[in-house]
Amino acid sequence: WVVEIDPRDPASTPKKRTALGRFKHENAAFTVNQDGRAVVYLGDDERGEHIYRFVSKNRVAPGNDPANRDLLDEGTLYVARFEAREGELKGTGQWLPLVHGQHGLTRENGFADQGEVLIFAREAATRLGATTMDRPEWVAVHPHRAEVYCTLTNNKNRGIKENQPLDGANPRAENPYGQIIRWRPMGDD
């Protein structure tokens, strides 16, 4: 889980941000979308896991800390699927919403409610056909351009995990040193 602290208030109580899902979070890269919503990009630091994005339900209120305090409690968690053709990236992809009741995330498939979708985010992402990655660690948002980067540390265990194929997003059969993947949101938003 991601736990948020207020560095300006040492007496504050840390808050667990369950809407960001449960997996091996390496970091949380924050930005504000053109429509004013908070967007957080996250990598699951494990070989064969996924890249996520959270978009807040409410908008950021500049200069109003109390109004912004709980932006990460409500919104939608998404997982990335990079489109590949014959082993090469097509340059497109999509964010698949991890929302109970949609795309097979139902009670019949082991997800009783939205809480279970978030607790079992990895399983939900796999069910939706998200792209498995070569160990997504650090995610960063470019400070001046609509670009996001994720360092994929390595995948020295390729072939051990059945769901870790060689593809356009993970192009090296042996990848002991990793790579960086970059994407641009549609419409620079």
N, C-alpha and C. Protein backbone atom coordinates (compact mmCIF):
# COMPACT_ATOMS: atom_id res chain seq x y z
N TRP A 1 0.83 -1.19 0.00
CA TRP A 1 0.00 0.00 0.00
C TRP A 1 0.87 1.25 0.00
N VAL A 2 0.33 2.34 -0.50
CA VAL A 2 0.98 3.63 -0.41
C VAL A 2 0.48 4.31 0.86
N VAL A 3 1.40 4.84 1.63
CA VAL A 3 1.06 5.58 2.84
C VAL A 3 1.58 7.00 2.65
N GLU A 4 0.70 7.97 2.85
CA GLU A 4 1.07 9.37 2.65
C GLU A 4 1.29 10.04 4.00
N ILE A 5 2.36 10.83 4.06
CA ILE A 5 2.64 11.60 5.26
C ILE A 5 2.58 13.08 4.90
N ASP A 6 2.39 13.91 5.91
CA ASP A 6 2.44 15.36 5.71
C ASP A 6 3.77 15.84 6.27
N PRO A 7 4.75 16.13 5.42
CA PRO A 7 6.09 16.51 5.92
C PRO A 7 6.10 17.84 6.66
N ARG A 8 5.05 18.64 6.48
CA ARG A 8 5.00 19.93 7.16
C ARG A 8 4.34 19.84 8.53
N ASP A 9 3.80 18.68 8.86
CA ASP A 9 3.13 18.50 10.15
C ASP A 9 3.60 17.20 10.80
N PRO A 10 4.67 17.25 11.58
CA PRO A 10 5.20 16.03 12.19
C PRO A 10 4.20 15.32 13.11
N ALA A 11 3.20 16.01 13.57
CA ALA A 11 2.20 15.39 14.46
C ALA A 11 1.05 14.74 13.69
N SER A 12 1.05 14.89 12.38
CA SER A 12 -0.06 14.34 11.59
C SER A 12 0.00 12.82 11.57
N THR A 13 -1.15 12.22 11.32
CA THR A 13 -1.25 10.76 11.21
C THR A 13 -1.08 10.35 9.76
N PRO A 14 -0.16 9.42 9.48
CA PRO A 14 -0.03 8.94 8.10
C PRO A 14 -1.34 8.32 7.61
N LYS A 15 -1.61 8.43 6.30
CA LYS A 15 -2.85 7.91 5.73
C LYS A 15 -2.55 6.87 4.67
N LYS A 16 -3.17 5.70 4.80
CA LYS A 16 -3.03 4.66 3.80
C LYS A 16 -3.96 5.00 2.65
N ARG A 17 -3.43 5.06 1.44
CA ARG A 17 -4.19 5.42 0.24
C ARG A 17 -4.57 4.15 -0.52
N THR A 18 -5.63 3.50 -0.07
CA THR A 18 -6.03 2.20 -0.63
C THR A 18 -6.48 2.31 -2.08
N ALA A 19 -6.96 3.46 -2.51
CA ALA A 19 -7.44 3.61 -3.89
C ALA A 19 -6.30 3.46 -4.90
N LEU A 20 -5.04 3.52 -4.43
CA LEU A 20 -3.89 3.35 -5.31
C LEU A 20 -3.52 1.88 -5.48
N GLY A 21 -4.26 0.98 -4.87
CA GLY A 21 -4.05 -0.45 -5.05
C GLY A 21 -2.95 -1.02 -4.18
N ARG A 22 -2.98 -2.35 -4.05
CA ARG A 22 -1.96 -3.06 -3.25
C ARG A 22 -1.07 -3.89 -4.17
N PHE A 23 0.21 -3.55 -4.18
CA PHE A 23 1.24 -4.30 -4.89
C PHE A 23 2.58 -3.76 -4.41
N LYS A 24 3.68 -4.17 -4.99
CA LYS A 24 5.01 -3.73 -4.54
C LYS A 24 5.31 -2.34 -5.13
N HIS A 25 4.77 -1.31 -4.49
CA HIS A 25 4.99 0.06 -4.95
C HIS A 25 6.46 0.44 -4.80
N GLU A 26 7.03 0.95 -5.86
CA GLU A 26 8.39 1.48 -5.78
C GLU A 26 8.33 2.98 -5.48
N ASN A 27 7.42 3.67 -6.13
CA ASN A 27 7.25 5.10 -5.89
C ASN A 27 5.87 5.50 -6.42
N ALA A 28 5.54 6.75 -6.23
CA ALA A 28 4.29 7.32 -6.75
C ALA A 28 4.64 8.66 -7.38
N ALA A 29 4.51 8.77 -8.70
CA ALA A 29 4.85 9.99 -9.43
C ALA A 29 3.57 10.79 -9.65
N PHE A 30 3.52 11.96 -9.09
CA PHE A 30 2.32 12.80 -9.08
C PHE A 30 2.39 13.89 -10.13
N THR A 31 1.24 14.17 -10.76
CA THR A 31 1.12 15.32 -11.66
C THR A 31 -0.34 15.77 -11.63
N VAL A 32 -0.61 16.91 -12.23
CA VAL A 32 -1.98 17.41 -12.33
C VAL A 32 -2.35 17.44 -13.80
N ASN A 33 -3.47 16.83 -14.14
CA ASN A 33 -3.98 16.76 -15.50
C ASN A 33 -4.48 18.13 -15.95
N GLN A 34 -4.70 18.30 -17.25
CA GLN A 34 -5.21 19.57 -17.77
C GLN A 34 -6.56 19.96 -17.16
N ASP A 35 -7.37 18.96 -16.80
CA ASP A 35 -8.67 19.26 -16.20
C ASP A 35 -8.60 19.46 -14.69
N GLY A 36 -7.39 19.45 -14.13
CA GLY A 36 -7.20 19.73 -12.72
C GLY A 36 -7.24 18.51 -11.82
N ARG A 37 -7.38 17.32 -12.38
CA ARG A 37 -7.40 16.11 -11.54
C ARG A 37 -5.97 15.66 -11.22
N ALA A 38 -5.83 15.09 -10.04
CA ALA A 38 -4.55 14.51 -9.64
C ALA A 38 -4.36 13.20 -10.39
N VAL A 39 -3.15 13.00 -10.91
CA VAL A 39 -2.80 11.76 -11.60
C VAL A 39 -1.54 11.22 -10.94
N VAL A 40 -1.56 9.93 -10.61
CA VAL A 40 -0.41 9.30 -9.97
C VAL A 40 -0.03 8.07 -10.81
N TYR A 41 1.23 8.01 -11.23
CA TYR A 41 1.75 6.85 -11.96
C TYR A 41 2.53 5.98 -10.98
N LEU A 42 2.38 4.65 -11.14
CA LEU A 42 2.95 3.71 -10.18
C LEU A 42 3.51 2.49 -10.91
N GLY A 43 4.63 1.99 -10.44
CA GLY A 43 5.18 0.75 -10.97
C GLY A 43 5.13 -0.33 -9.91
N ASP A 44 4.87 -1.57 -10.32
CA ASP A 44 4.87 -2.72 -9.43
C ASP A 44 6.23 -3.38 -9.54
N ASP A 45 7.05 -3.19 -8.53
CA ASP A 45 8.46 -3.58 -8.53
C ASP A 45 8.63 -5.10 -8.38
N GLU A 46 8.29 -5.80 -9.45
CA GLU A 46 8.43 -7.26 -9.49
C GLU A 46 8.51 -7.65 -10.96
N ARG A 47 9.35 -8.61 -11.27
CA ARG A 47 9.45 -9.07 -12.65
C ARG A 47 8.10 -9.64 -13.10
N GLY A 48 7.67 -9.24 -14.29
CA GLY A 48 6.41 -9.75 -14.83
C GLY A 48 5.17 -9.07 -14.29
N GLU A 49 5.32 -7.90 -13.69
CA GLU A 49 4.16 -7.18 -13.18
C GLU A 49 3.86 -5.95 -14.05
N HIS A 50 3.15 -4.97 -13.52
CA HIS A 50 2.50 -3.98 -14.36
C HIS A 50 2.82 -2.53 -13.98
N ILE A 51 2.38 -1.63 -14.87
CA ILE A 51 2.45 -0.18 -14.63
C ILE A 51 1.01 0.31 -14.46
N TYR A 52 0.80 1.17 -13.47
CA TYR A 52 -0.53 1.65 -13.11
C TYR A 52 -0.62 3.17 -13.18
N ARG A 53 -1.85 3.64 -13.26
CA ARG A 53 -2.14 5.08 -13.21
C ARG A 53 -3.42 5.25 -12.40
N PHE A 54 -3.41 6.24 -11.51
CA PHE A 54 -4.60 6.60 -10.74
C PHE A 54 -5.02 8.00 -11.14
N VAL A 55 -6.32 8.20 -11.36
CA VAL A 55 -6.85 9.53 -11.66
C VAL A 55 -7.90 9.86 -10.62
N SER A 56 -7.72 10.98 -9.95
CA SER A 56 -8.63 11.35 -8.86
C SER A 56 -10.02 11.72 -9.37
N LYS A 57 -10.99 11.49 -8.54
CA LYS A 57 -12.37 11.88 -8.86
C LYS A 57 -12.51 13.40 -8.82
N ASN A 58 -11.91 14.01 -7.81
CA ASN A 58 -12.04 15.45 -7.62
C ASN A 58 -10.81 16.19 -8.14
N ARG A 59 -10.97 17.49 -8.32
CA ARG A 59 -9.90 18.32 -8.88
C ARG A 59 -9.06 18.95 -7.77
N VAL A 60 -7.83 19.25 -8.12
CA VAL A 60 -6.92 19.93 -7.22
C VAL A 60 -7.39 21.37 -7.05
N ALA A 61 -7.41 21.83 -5.82
CA ALA A 61 -7.76 23.22 -5.52
C ALA A 61 -6.46 23.94 -5.14
N PRO A 62 -5.84 24.66 -6.08
CA PRO A 62 -4.55 25.30 -5.81
C PRO A 62 -4.60 26.18 -4.56
N GLY A 63 -3.60 25.97 -3.69
CA GLY A 63 -3.48 26.77 -2.48
C GLY A 63 -4.44 26.38 -1.37
N ASN A 64 -5.24 25.34 -1.56
CA ASN A 64 -6.22 24.95 -0.55
C ASN A 64 -5.88 23.55 -0.03
N ASP A 65 -4.88 23.49 0.86
CA ASP A 65 -4.43 22.19 1.37
C ASP A 65 -5.54 21.35 1.97
N PRO A 66 -6.43 21.91 2.79
CA PRO A 66 -7.50 21.06 3.34
C PRO A 66 -8.38 20.42 2.27
N ALA A 67 -8.66 21.14 1.19
CA ALA A 67 -9.50 20.60 0.12
C ALA A 67 -8.76 19.50 -0.66
N ASN A 68 -7.43 19.58 -0.70
CA ASN A 68 -6.63 18.63 -1.46
C ASN A 68 -6.20 17.41 -0.64
N ARG A 69 -6.43 17.47 0.65
CA ARG A 69 -5.90 16.45 1.55
C ARG A 69 -6.31 15.02 1.21
N ASP A 70 -7.51 14.82 0.69
CA ASP A 70 -8.00 13.46 0.45
C ASP A 70 -8.24 13.16 -1.03
N LEU A 71 -7.54 13.86 -1.92
CA LEU A 71 -7.71 13.63 -3.36
C LEU A 71 -7.39 12.19 -3.77
N LEU A 72 -6.50 11.54 -3.03
CA LEU A 72 -6.08 10.19 -3.40
C LEU A 72 -6.96 9.10 -2.81
N ASP A 73 -8.08 9.49 -2.22
CA ASP A 73 -9.01 8.51 -1.65
C ASP A 73 -10.09 8.07 -2.63
N GLU A 74 -10.40 8.91 -3.62
CA GLU A 74 -11.45 8.58 -4.57
C GLU A 74 -10.96 8.83 -5.99
N GLY A 75 -11.23 7.87 -6.85
CA GLY A 75 -10.82 7.97 -8.24
C GLY A 75 -10.78 6.60 -8.86
N THR A 76 -10.10 6.50 -9.99
CA THR A 76 -10.02 5.24 -10.71
C THR A 76 -8.57 4.83 -10.89
N LEU A 77 -8.29 3.57 -10.56
CA LEU A 77 -6.98 2.98 -10.80
C LEU A 77 -7.03 2.26 -12.14
N TYR A 78 -6.03 2.49 -12.97
CA TYR A 78 -5.93 1.88 -14.29
C TYR A 78 -4.62 1.08 -14.37
N VAL A 79 -4.57 0.16 -15.31
CA VAL A 79 -3.35 -0.58 -15.59
C VAL A 79 -3.05 -0.47 -17.09
N ALA A 80 -1.75 -0.44 -17.43
CA ALA A 80 -1.33 -0.21 -18.82
C ALA A 80 -1.33 -1.49 -19.66
N ARG A 81 -1.79 -1.32 -20.90
CA ARG A 81 -1.60 -2.36 -21.92
C ARG A 81 -0.98 -1.66 -23.12
N PHE A 82 0.28 -2.02 -23.39
CA PHE A 82 0.99 -1.46 -24.55
C PHE A 82 0.70 -2.35 -25.75
N GLU A 83 0.35 -1.74 -26.86
CA GLU A 83 0.01 -2.50 -28.06
C GLU A 83 1.28 -2.83 -28.83
N ALA A 84 1.42 -4.10 -29.18
CA ALA A 84 2.58 -4.55 -29.94
C ALA A 84 2.13 -5.31 -31.18
N ARG A 85 2.94 -5.26 -32.21
CA ARG A 85 2.67 -5.99 -33.44
C ARG A 85 3.99 -6.61 -33.88
N GLU A 86 3.99 -7.93 -33.99
CA GLU A 86 5.17 -8.67 -34.43
C GLU A 86 6.41 -8.27 -33.63
N GLY A 87 6.27 -8.19 -32.32
CA GLY A 87 7.39 -7.91 -31.45
C GLY A 87 7.80 -6.46 -31.34
N GLU A 88 7.13 -5.56 -32.06
CA GLU A 88 7.49 -4.15 -31.99
C GLU A 88 6.31 -3.35 -31.44
N LEU A 89 6.64 -2.31 -30.71
CA LEU A 89 5.58 -1.44 -30.20
C LEU A 89 4.90 -0.72 -31.35
N LYS A 90 3.60 -0.62 -31.29
CA LYS A 90 2.86 0.14 -32.30
C LYS A 90 2.87 1.62 -31.98
N GLY A 91 3.32 1.95 -30.78
CA GLY A 91 3.31 3.34 -30.38
C GLY A 91 2.00 3.75 -29.74
N THR A 92 1.16 2.78 -29.45
CA THR A 92 -0.11 3.06 -28.80
C THR A 92 -0.30 2.11 -27.64
N GLY A 93 -1.28 2.42 -26.86
CA GLY A 93 -1.64 1.58 -25.73
C GLY A 93 -2.92 2.10 -25.13
N GLN A 94 -3.32 1.49 -24.06
CA GLN A 94 -4.52 1.96 -23.39
C GLN A 94 -4.43 1.71 -21.90
N TRP A 95 -5.18 2.53 -21.19
CA TRP A 95 -5.29 2.37 -19.75
C TRP A 95 -6.59 1.63 -19.47
N LEU A 96 -6.48 0.47 -18.85
CA LEU A 96 -7.64 -0.37 -18.55
C LEU A 96 -8.11 -0.09 -17.12
N PRO A 97 -9.38 0.29 -16.93
CA PRO A 97 -9.85 0.62 -15.58
C PRO A 97 -10.02 -0.63 -14.72
N LEU A 98 -9.49 -0.57 -13.50
CA LEU A 98 -9.67 -1.65 -12.53
C LEU A 98 -10.91 -1.32 -11.69
N VAL A 99 -12.06 -1.57 -12.26
CA VAL A 99 -13.34 -1.21 -11.64
C VAL A 99 -14.20 -2.46 -11.50
N HIS A 100 -14.65 -2.71 -10.29
CA HIS A 100 -15.49 -3.88 -10.03
C HIS A 100 -16.73 -3.85 -10.92
N GLY A 101 -17.05 -5.02 -11.48
CA GLY A 101 -18.23 -5.14 -12.33
C GLY A 101 -17.94 -4.91 -13.80
N GLN A 102 -16.73 -4.44 -14.13
CA GLN A 102 -16.37 -4.19 -15.52
C GLN A 102 -15.30 -5.18 -15.98
N HIS A 103 -15.39 -5.61 -17.22
CA HIS A 103 -14.35 -6.42 -17.88
C HIS A 103 -13.97 -7.68 -17.09
N GLY A 104 -14.96 -8.32 -16.51
CA GLY A 104 -14.70 -9.57 -15.80
C GLY A 104 -14.26 -9.43 -14.36
N LEU A 105 -14.19 -8.22 -13.85
CA LEU A 105 -13.83 -8.04 -12.45
C LEU A 105 -15.10 -8.15 -11.60
N THR A 106 -15.61 -9.37 -11.52
CA THR A 106 -16.91 -9.65 -10.90
C THR A 106 -16.77 -10.69 -9.79
N ARG A 107 -17.83 -10.83 -9.04
CA ARG A 107 -17.89 -11.83 -7.97
C ARG A 107 -17.63 -13.22 -8.54
N GLU A 108 -18.19 -13.51 -9.71
CA GLU A 108 -18.02 -14.83 -10.33
C GLU A 108 -16.55 -15.14 -10.64
N ASN A 109 -15.76 -14.11 -10.81
CA ASN A 109 -14.34 -14.28 -11.12
C ASN A 109 -13.44 -14.00 -9.92
N GLY A 110 -14.02 -13.97 -8.72
CA GLY A 110 -13.22 -13.86 -7.50
C GLY A 110 -13.06 -12.47 -6.93
N PHE A 111 -13.79 -11.49 -7.44
CA PHE A 111 -13.70 -10.12 -6.93
C PHE A 111 -15.06 -9.72 -6.37
N ALA A 112 -15.23 -9.83 -5.06
CA ALA A 112 -16.52 -9.59 -4.43
C ALA A 112 -16.97 -8.14 -4.52
N ASP A 113 -16.00 -7.21 -4.52
CA ASP A 113 -16.33 -5.79 -4.54
C ASP A 113 -15.09 -4.99 -4.97
N GLN A 114 -15.21 -3.67 -4.99
CA GLN A 114 -14.08 -2.83 -5.41
C GLN A 114 -12.90 -2.98 -4.46
N GLY A 115 -13.17 -3.21 -3.19
CA GLY A 115 -12.09 -3.42 -2.23
C GLY A 115 -11.21 -4.60 -2.63
N GLU A 116 -11.84 -5.68 -3.07
CA GLU A 116 -11.05 -6.85 -3.48
C GLU A 116 -10.31 -6.60 -4.79
N VAL A 117 -10.87 -5.80 -5.67
CA VAL A 117 -10.15 -5.44 -6.90
C VAL A 117 -8.86 -4.71 -6.52
N LEU A 118 -8.92 -3.79 -5.55
CA LEU A 118 -7.75 -3.02 -5.14
C LEU A 118 -6.76 -3.87 -4.35
N ILE A 119 -7.27 -4.75 -3.48
CA ILE A 119 -6.40 -5.63 -2.71
C ILE A 119 -5.65 -6.59 -3.64
N PHE A 120 -6.35 -7.11 -4.61
CA PHE A 120 -5.77 -8.07 -5.55
C PHE A 120 -5.54 -7.39 -6.92
N ALA A 121 -4.92 -6.22 -6.87
CA ALA A 121 -4.70 -5.43 -8.09
C ALA A 121 -3.92 -6.21 -9.14
N ARG A 122 -2.93 -6.99 -8.73
CA ARG A 122 -2.15 -7.77 -9.70
C ARG A 122 -3.04 -8.76 -10.44
N GLU A 123 -3.87 -9.48 -9.69
CA GLU A 123 -4.75 -10.46 -10.31
C GLU A 123 -5.76 -9.79 -11.23
N ALA A 124 -6.27 -8.63 -10.79
CA ALA A 124 -7.23 -7.88 -11.62
C ALA A 124 -6.55 -7.42 -12.91
N ALA A 125 -5.33 -6.92 -12.80
CA ALA A 125 -4.59 -6.46 -13.98
C ALA A 125 -4.35 -7.60 -14.96
N THR A 126 -3.99 -8.75 -14.44
CA THR A 126 -3.76 -9.92 -15.28
C THR A 126 -5.06 -10.33 -15.97
N ARG A 127 -6.16 -10.29 -15.25
CA ARG A 127 -7.46 -10.66 -15.82
C ARG A 127 -7.81 -9.76 -17.01
N LEU A 128 -7.44 -8.47 -16.93
CA LEU A 128 -7.75 -7.52 -18.00
C LEU A 128 -6.77 -7.61 -19.17
N GLY A 129 -5.72 -8.39 -19.04
CA GLY A 129 -4.76 -8.52 -20.13
C GLY A 129 -3.73 -7.40 -20.18
N ALA A 130 -3.40 -6.84 -19.01
CA ALA A 130 -2.40 -5.78 -18.96
C ALA A 130 -1.04 -6.33 -19.38
N THR A 131 -0.18 -5.45 -19.87
CA THR A 131 1.15 -5.85 -20.31
C THR A 131 2.02 -6.15 -19.10
N THR A 132 2.62 -7.34 -19.09
CA THR A 132 3.60 -7.66 -18.05
C THR A 132 4.92 -7.03 -18.45
N MET A 133 5.64 -6.53 -17.47
CA MET A 133 6.83 -5.73 -17.74
C MET A 133 8.07 -6.33 -17.09
N ASP A 134 9.24 -5.88 -17.56
CA ASP A 134 10.53 -6.30 -17.01
C ASP A 134 10.83 -5.52 -15.73
N ARG A 135 10.10 -5.78 -14.70
CA ARG A 135 10.26 -5.22 -13.36
C ARG A 135 10.18 -3.69 -13.33
N PRO A 136 8.96 -3.15 -13.39
CA PRO A 136 8.79 -1.69 -13.34
C PRO A 136 9.11 -1.12 -11.96
N GLU A 137 10.14 -0.32 -11.92
CA GLU A 137 10.53 0.26 -10.63
C GLU A 137 10.12 1.73 -10.54
N TRP A 138 11.01 2.59 -10.97
CA TRP A 138 10.83 4.01 -10.74
C TRP A 138 10.06 4.65 -11.89
N VAL A 139 9.01 5.42 -11.57
CA VAL A 139 8.24 6.15 -12.57
C VAL A 139 8.47 7.63 -12.33
N ALA A 140 8.61 8.40 -13.40
CA ALA A 140 8.81 9.84 -13.29
C ALA A 140 8.00 10.56 -14.36
N VAL A 141 7.44 11.69 -13.99
CA VAL A 141 6.70 12.55 -14.91
C VAL A 141 7.62 13.70 -15.29
N HIS A 142 7.76 13.95 -16.59
CA HIS A 142 8.61 15.06 -17.04
C HIS A 142 8.01 16.36 -16.51
N PRO A 143 8.82 17.24 -15.95
CA PRO A 143 8.28 18.46 -15.35
C PRO A 143 7.76 19.50 -16.34
N HIS A 144 8.16 19.42 -17.63
CA HIS A 144 7.77 20.44 -18.59
C HIS A 144 7.08 19.92 -19.83
N ARG A 145 7.05 18.62 -20.02
CA ARG A 145 6.40 18.01 -21.19
C ARG A 145 5.47 16.90 -20.72
N ALA A 146 4.48 16.61 -21.52
CA ALA A 146 3.54 15.53 -21.20
C ALA A 146 4.18 14.19 -21.58
N GLU A 147 5.12 13.76 -20.76
CA GLU A 147 5.80 12.49 -20.95
C GLU A 147 5.98 11.83 -19.60
N VAL A 148 5.92 10.50 -19.61
CA VAL A 148 6.13 9.72 -18.39
C VAL A 148 7.17 8.66 -18.73
N TYR A 149 8.05 8.38 -17.78
CA TYR A 149 9.11 7.40 -17.96
C TYR A 149 9.02 6.36 -16.85
N CYS A 150 9.34 5.12 -17.20
CA CYS A 150 9.43 4.07 -16.18
C CYS A 150 10.69 3.27 -16.43
N THR A 151 11.52 3.15 -15.39
CA THR A 151 12.69 2.30 -15.50
C THR A 151 12.26 0.86 -15.25
N LEU A 152 12.63 0.00 -16.18
CA LEU A 152 12.36 -1.43 -16.06
C LEU A 152 13.72 -2.06 -15.73
N THR A 153 13.88 -2.43 -14.47
CA THR A 153 15.18 -2.77 -13.94
C THR A 153 15.86 -3.92 -14.68
N ASN A 154 15.17 -5.04 -14.82
CA ASN A 154 15.77 -6.20 -15.49
C ASN A 154 14.75 -7.32 -15.51
N ASN A 155 15.11 -8.37 -16.21
CA ASN A 155 14.29 -9.58 -16.14
C ASN A 155 15.18 -10.77 -16.38
N LYS A 156 16.03 -11.03 -15.40
CA LYS A 156 16.94 -12.17 -15.52
C LYS A 156 16.21 -13.51 -15.38
N ASN A 157 14.93 -13.45 -15.01
CA ASN A 157 14.16 -14.68 -14.82
C ASN A 157 13.16 -14.93 -15.94
N ARG A 158 13.33 -14.31 -17.10
CA ARG A 158 12.38 -14.53 -18.20
C ARG A 158 12.30 -16.02 -18.50
N GLY A 159 11.07 -16.47 -18.73
CA GLY A 159 10.84 -17.87 -19.01
C GLY A 159 10.41 -18.64 -17.78
N ILE A 160 10.74 -18.15 -16.60
CA ILE A 160 10.30 -18.81 -15.36
C ILE A 160 8.82 -18.51 -15.14
N LYS A 161 8.43 -17.29 -15.43
CA LYS A 161 7.03 -16.86 -15.28
C LYS A 161 6.34 -16.99 -16.63
N GLU A 162 5.29 -17.76 -16.68
CA GLU A 162 4.60 -18.00 -17.95
C GLU A 162 4.05 -16.73 -18.58
N ASN A 163 3.65 -15.77 -17.77
CA ASN A 163 2.99 -14.57 -18.32
C ASN A 163 3.98 -13.47 -18.69
N GLN A 164 5.25 -13.79 -18.86
CA GLN A 164 6.25 -12.77 -19.18
C GLN A 164 6.83 -12.99 -20.57
N PRO A 165 6.03 -12.72 -21.61
CA PRO A 165 6.51 -12.97 -22.97
C PRO A 165 7.45 -11.86 -23.46
N LEU A 166 8.19 -12.18 -24.48
CA LEU A 166 8.99 -11.20 -25.19
C LEU A 166 8.03 -10.43 -26.10
N ASP A 167 8.04 -9.10 -26.03
CA ASP A 167 7.14 -8.30 -26.86
C ASP A 167 7.72 -6.92 -27.08
N GLY A 168 6.96 -6.06 -27.71
CA GLY A 168 7.45 -4.72 -28.04
C GLY A 168 7.79 -3.88 -26.83
N ALA A 169 7.10 -4.06 -25.72
CA ALA A 169 7.39 -3.29 -24.51
C ALA A 169 8.55 -3.88 -23.74
N ASN A 170 8.84 -5.15 -23.96
CA ASN A 170 9.92 -5.88 -23.30
C ASN A 170 10.70 -6.62 -24.40
N PRO A 171 11.53 -5.91 -25.17
CA PRO A 171 12.07 -6.47 -26.41
C PRO A 171 13.28 -7.38 -26.28
N ARG A 172 13.85 -7.51 -25.10
CA ARG A 172 15.09 -8.30 -24.98
C ARG A 172 14.82 -9.65 -24.31
N ALA A 173 15.23 -10.72 -24.99
CA ALA A 173 15.05 -12.06 -24.41
C ALA A 173 15.83 -12.18 -23.10
N GLU A 174 17.05 -11.68 -23.12
CA GLU A 174 17.85 -11.62 -21.89
C GLU A 174 18.02 -10.15 -21.58
N ASN A 175 17.56 -9.74 -20.42
CA ASN A 175 17.55 -8.32 -20.10
C ASN A 175 18.12 -8.11 -18.70
N PRO A 176 19.41 -8.39 -18.49
CA PRO A 176 19.97 -8.25 -17.15
C PRO A 176 20.16 -6.81 -16.70
N TYR A 177 20.15 -5.85 -17.65
CA TYR A 177 20.42 -4.46 -17.31
C TYR A 177 19.21 -3.55 -17.40
N GLY A 178 18.10 -4.04 -17.92
CA GLY A 178 16.88 -3.26 -17.98
C GLY A 178 16.82 -2.27 -19.11
N GLN A 179 15.79 -1.43 -19.09
CA GLN A 179 15.58 -0.39 -20.09
C GLN A 179 14.63 0.65 -19.51
N ILE A 180 14.38 1.68 -20.30
CA ILE A 180 13.43 2.73 -19.91
C ILE A 180 12.35 2.78 -20.97
N ILE A 181 11.10 2.81 -20.53
CA ILE A 181 9.99 2.97 -21.46
C ILE A 181 9.40 4.36 -21.23
N ARG A 182 9.05 5.01 -22.33
CA ARG A 182 8.50 6.37 -22.26
C ARG A 182 7.17 6.37 -22.99
N TRP A 183 6.19 7.10 -22.45
CA TRP A 183 4.93 7.26 -23.17
C TRP A 183 4.43 8.69 -23.01
N ARG A 184 3.62 9.07 -23.98
CA ARG A 184 3.00 10.39 -23.98
C ARG A 184 1.50 10.19 -23.92
N PRO A 185 0.83 10.85 -23.00
CA PRO A 185 -0.63 10.74 -22.93
C PRO A 185 -1.27 11.34 -24.18
N MET A 186 -2.41 10.76 -24.58
CA MET A 186 -3.13 11.28 -25.75
C MET A 186 -3.50 12.75 -25.53
N GLY A 187 -3.32 13.53 -26.54
CA GLY A 187 -3.65 14.96 -26.44
C GLY A 187 -2.81 15.70 -25.42
N ASP A 188 -1.64 15.12 -25.09
CA ASP A 188 -0.75 15.71 -24.07
C ASP A 188 -1.47 15.98 -22.76
N ASP A 189 -2.45 15.14 -22.44
CA ASP A 189 -3.23 15.32 -21.21
C ASP A 189 -3.15 14.06 -20.37
